[in-house]
Amino acid sequence: MRIGQFVTATVDLPNRPGLVVVPTSSLIDDGSRTYVFVARDKAKTIFSRREVRIARRGAVMAQLESHPQADSATGSHPQPIDVGEYVVTSGAVELAEQIHKLQTQRSAVAIETPGAAEAGGRP
């Protein structure tokens, strides 16, 4: 090669056993923790947020540890994820934001309700 020339190469790295590949669009980063929404039923109408551990992250796909260990240093408790489980791949961040809003509203209602009961039961 000469000065000013360049080469583009693609290196295929083999997957380690025990990894599950998901689109990066399904990942929700929250501080030092990462979550995905996983379908809990076959109809894919009920989803739950699950903490996961990333082994390798690319631009389009990420590899997750299928059976990660808890990390006592960070207090992280990632949960298992298996090949074949369905994850939300589009709108996951928006879904997380809406759930956070609902939880915040529910907390505000729970705080206001006891005071309203003591004041005669009406706000």
C-alpha atoms as a PDB file:
ATOM      1  CA  MET A   1       0.000   0.000   0.000  1.00  0.00           C
ATOM      2  CA  ARG A   2       1.038   3.561  -0.558  1.00  0.00           C
ATOM      3  CA  ILE A   3       0.538   6.683   1.499  1.00  0.00           C
ATOM      4  CA  GLY A   4      -3.028   7.943   1.101  1.00  0.00           C
ATOM      5  CA  GLN A   5      -4.479   4.564   0.208  1.00  0.00           C
ATOM      6  CA  PHE A   6      -6.890   2.792   2.513  1.00  0.00           C
ATOM      7  CA  VAL A   7      -8.645  -0.520   2.834  1.00  0.00           C
ATOM      8  CA  THR A   8     -12.108  -1.307   4.090  1.00  0.00           C
ATOM      9  CA  ALA A   9     -12.468  -4.696   5.711  1.00  0.00           C
ATOM     10  CA  THR A  10     -15.209  -6.632   7.445  1.00  0.00           C
ATOM     11  CA  VAL A  11     -14.233  -8.995  10.219  1.00  0.00           C
ATOM     12  CA  ASP A  12     -16.814 -11.567  11.260  1.00  0.00           C
ATOM     13  CA  LEU A  13     -16.451 -12.326  14.944  1.00  0.00           C
ATOM     14  CA  PRO A  14     -17.899 -15.637  16.071  1.00  0.00           C
ATOM     15  CA  ASN A  15     -20.649 -15.524  18.680  1.00  0.00           C
ATOM     16  CA  ARG A  16     -19.753 -16.864  22.084  1.00  0.00           C
ATOM     17  CA  PRO A  17     -22.047 -19.561  23.438  1.00  0.00           C
ATOM     18  CA  GLY A  18     -24.647 -18.134  25.790  1.00  0.00           C
ATOM     19  CA  LEU A  19     -25.334 -14.918  23.876  1.00  0.00           C
ATOM     20  CA  VAL A  20     -28.644 -13.675  22.468  1.00  0.00           C
ATOM     21  CA  VAL A  21     -28.667 -11.142  19.624  1.00  0.00           C
ATOM     22  CA  VAL A  22     -31.227  -8.292  19.634  1.00  0.00           C
ATOM     23  CA  PRO A  23     -31.540  -5.051  17.639  1.00  0.00           C
ATOM     24  CA  THR A  24     -29.972  -2.057  19.383  1.00  0.00           C
ATOM     25  CA  SER A  25     -33.310  -0.260  18.938  1.00  0.00           C
ATOM     26  CA  SER A  26     -34.757  -2.596  21.577  1.00  0.00           C
ATOM     27  CA  LEU A  27     -32.271  -1.448  24.268  1.00  0.00           C
ATOM     28  CA  ILE A  28     -33.225   1.135  26.878  1.00  0.00           C
ATOM     29  CA  ASP A  29     -30.224   2.638  28.653  1.00  0.00           C
ATOM     30  CA  ASP A  30     -30.964   3.991  32.124  1.00  0.00           C
ATOM     31  CA  GLY A  31     -27.773   5.125  33.811  1.00  0.00           C
ATOM     32  CA  SER A  32     -25.511   2.115  34.251  1.00  0.00           C
ATOM     33  CA  ARG A  33     -28.330  -0.360  33.540  1.00  0.00           C
ATOM     34  CA  THR A  34     -29.890  -1.565  30.310  1.00  0.00           C
ATOM     35  CA  TYR A  35     -33.421  -2.899  29.818  1.00  0.00           C
ATOM     36  CA  VAL A  36     -35.569  -4.496  27.115  1.00  0.00           C
ATOM     37  CA  PHE A  37     -39.317  -5.076  26.967  1.00  0.00           C
ATOM     38  CA  VAL A  38     -40.048  -8.800  26.584  1.00  0.00           C
ATOM     39  CA  ALA A  39     -43.393 -10.369  25.612  1.00  0.00           C
ATOM     40  CA  ARG A  40     -44.878 -12.390  28.478  1.00  0.00           C
ATOM     41  CA  ASP A  41     -47.622 -14.115  26.465  1.00  0.00           C
ATOM     42  CA  LYS A  42     -47.854 -15.858  23.082  1.00  0.00           C
ATOM     43  CA  ALA A  43     -50.254 -13.239  21.721  1.00  0.00           C
ATOM     44  CA  LYS A  44     -47.606 -10.569  22.420  1.00  0.00           C
ATOM     45  CA  THR A  45     -50.082  -8.312  24.216  1.00  0.00           C
ATOM     46  CA  ILE A  46     -48.397  -8.236  27.649  1.00  0.00           C
ATOM     47  CA  PHE A  47     -44.816  -7.066  28.027  1.00  0.00           C
ATOM     48  CA  SER A  48     -42.499  -6.682  30.992  1.00  0.00           C
ATOM     49  CA  ARG A  49     -39.338  -4.636  31.410  1.00  0.00           C
ATOM     50  CA  ARG A  50     -36.298  -6.817  31.984  1.00  0.00           C
ATOM     51  CA  GLU A  51     -32.800  -5.732  32.979  1.00  0.00           C
ATOM     52  CA  VAL A  52     -30.164  -7.280  30.705  1.00  0.00           C
ATOM     53  CA  ARG A  53     -26.377  -7.313  30.444  1.00  0.00           C
ATOM     54  CA  ILE A  54     -24.738  -6.369  27.150  1.00  0.00           C
ATOM     55  CA  ALA A  55     -21.756  -8.491  26.112  1.00  0.00           C
ATOM     56  CA  ARG A  56     -21.083  -6.660  22.822  1.00  0.00           C
ATOM     57  CA  ARG A  57     -22.870  -3.731  21.152  1.00  0.00           C
ATOM     58  CA  GLY A  58     -22.659  -2.837  17.483  1.00  0.00           C
ATOM     59  CA  ALA A  59     -24.343  -0.132  15.438  1.00  0.00           C
ATOM     60  CA  VAL A  60     -27.359  -2.288  14.557  1.00  0.00           C
ATOM     61  CA  MET A  61     -27.278  -5.384  16.777  1.00  0.00           C
ATOM     62  CA  ALA A  62     -26.282  -6.124  20.370  1.00  0.00           C
ATOM     63  CA  GLN A  63     -25.324  -9.388  22.013  1.00  0.00           C
ATOM     64  CA  LEU A  64     -26.817  -9.987  25.462  1.00  0.00           C
ATOM     65  CA  GLU A  65     -25.672 -12.515  28.030  1.00  0.00           C
ATOM     66  CA  SER A  66     -28.429 -15.123  28.204  1.00  0.00           C
ATOM     67  CA  HIS A  67     -27.789 -15.994  31.872  1.00  0.00           C
ATOM     68  CA  PRO A  68     -25.910 -13.062  33.460  1.00  0.00           C
ATOM     69  CA  GLN A  69     -24.634 -12.908  37.008  1.00  0.00           C
ATOM     70  CA  ALA A  70     -25.630 -10.157  39.445  1.00  0.00           C
ATOM     71  CA  ASP A  71     -23.103  -7.376  39.966  1.00  0.00           C
ATOM     72  CA  SER A  72     -22.781  -6.532  43.666  1.00  0.00           C
ATOM     73  CA  ALA A  73     -20.602  -3.487  42.926  1.00  0.00           C
ATOM     74  CA  THR A  74     -23.390  -1.708  40.999  1.00  0.00           C
ATOM     75  CA  GLY A  75     -26.380  -3.453  42.565  1.00  0.00           C
ATOM     76  CA  SER A  76     -27.374  -4.626  39.097  1.00  0.00           C
ATOM     77  CA  HIS A  77     -29.504  -7.777  38.817  1.00  0.00           C
ATOM     78  CA  PRO A  78     -29.830  -8.576  35.109  1.00  0.00           C
ATOM     79  CA  GLN A  79     -32.340 -11.283  34.271  1.00  0.00           C
ATOM     80  CA  PRO A  80     -32.020 -14.192  31.850  1.00  0.00           C
ATOM     81  CA  ILE A  81     -33.173 -13.847  28.263  1.00  0.00           C
ATOM     82  CA  ASP A  82     -33.533 -16.770  25.892  1.00  0.00           C
ATOM     83  CA  VAL A  83     -33.324 -17.207  22.130  1.00  0.00           C
ATOM     84  CA  GLY A  84     -36.852 -17.016  20.703  1.00  0.00           C
ATOM     85  CA  GLU A  85     -38.260 -14.543  23.208  1.00  0.00           C
ATOM     86  CA  TYR A  86     -39.915 -11.530  21.585  1.00  0.00           C
ATOM     87  CA  VAL A  87     -38.621  -8.045  22.421  1.00  0.00           C
ATOM     88  CA  VAL A  88     -40.020  -4.628  21.495  1.00  0.00           C
ATOM     89  CA  THR A  89     -37.828  -3.369  18.650  1.00  0.00           C
ATOM     90  CA  SER A  90     -39.525  -0.086  17.780  1.00  0.00           C
ATOM     91  CA  GLY A  91     -40.753   2.548  20.231  1.00  0.00           C
ATOM     92  CA  ALA A  92     -39.091   0.985  23.279  1.00  0.00           C
ATOM     93  CA  VAL A  93     -37.729   4.318  24.549  1.00  0.00           C
ATOM     94  CA  GLU A  94     -41.125   5.998  24.149  1.00  0.00           C
ATOM     95  CA  LEU A  95     -42.795   3.098  25.966  1.00  0.00           C
ATOM     96  CA  ALA A  96     -40.328   3.427  28.855  1.00  0.00           C
ATOM     97  CA  GLU A  97     -41.010   7.182  29.072  1.00  0.00           C
ATOM     98  CA  GLN A  98     -44.792   6.657  29.197  1.00  0.00           C
ATOM     99  CA  ILE A  99     -44.463   4.010  31.913  1.00  0.00           C
ATOM    100  CA  HIS A 100     -42.294   6.405  33.934  1.00  0.00           C
ATOM    101  CA  LYS A 101     -44.942   9.142  33.564  1.00  0.00           C
ATOM    102  CA  LEU A 102     -47.704   6.778  34.710  1.00  0.00           C
ATOM    103  CA  GLN A 103     -45.677   5.650  37.720  1.00  0.00           C
ATOM    104  CA  THR A 104     -44.989   9.282  38.659  1.00  0.00           C
ATOM    105  CA  GLN A 105     -48.689  10.162  38.363  1.00  0.00           C
ATOM    106  CA  ARG A 106     -49.700   7.112  40.409  1.00  0.00           C
ATOM    107  CA  SER A 107     -47.249   8.123  43.157  1.00  0.00           C
ATOM    108  CA  ALA A 108     -48.707  11.647  43.239  1.00  0.00           C
ATOM    109  CA  VAL A 109     -52.262  10.282  43.520  1.00  0.00           C
ATOM    110  CA  ALA A 110     -51.224   7.872  46.288  1.00  0.00           C
ATOM    111  CA  ILE A 111     -49.649  10.743  48.226  1.00  0.00           C
ATOM    112  CA  GLU A 112     -52.694  13.014  47.814  1.00  0.00           C
ATOM    113  CA  THR A 113     -55.345  10.395  48.608  1.00  0.00           C
ATOM    114  CA  PRO A 114     -54.659   9.937  52.368  1.00  0.00           C
ATOM    115  CA  GLY A 115     -54.736  13.711  52.944  1.00  0.00           C
ATOM    116  CA  ALA A 116     -58.032  14.004  51.117  1.00  0.00           C
ATOM    117  CA  ALA A 117     -59.550  11.247  53.274  1.00  0.00           C
ATOM    118  CA  GLU A 118     -58.524  13.060  56.459  1.00  0.00           C
ATOM    119  CA  ALA A 119     -60.098  16.295  55.209  1.00  0.00           C
ATOM    120  CA  GLY A 120     -63.546  14.764  54.905  1.00  0.00           C
ATOM    121  CA  GLY A 121     -63.025  12.440  51.959  1.00  0.00           C
ATOM    122  CA  ARG A 122     -63.165  15.150  49.263  1.00  0.00           C
ATOM    123  CA  PRO A 123     -60.262  16.936  47.654  1.00  0.00           C
END
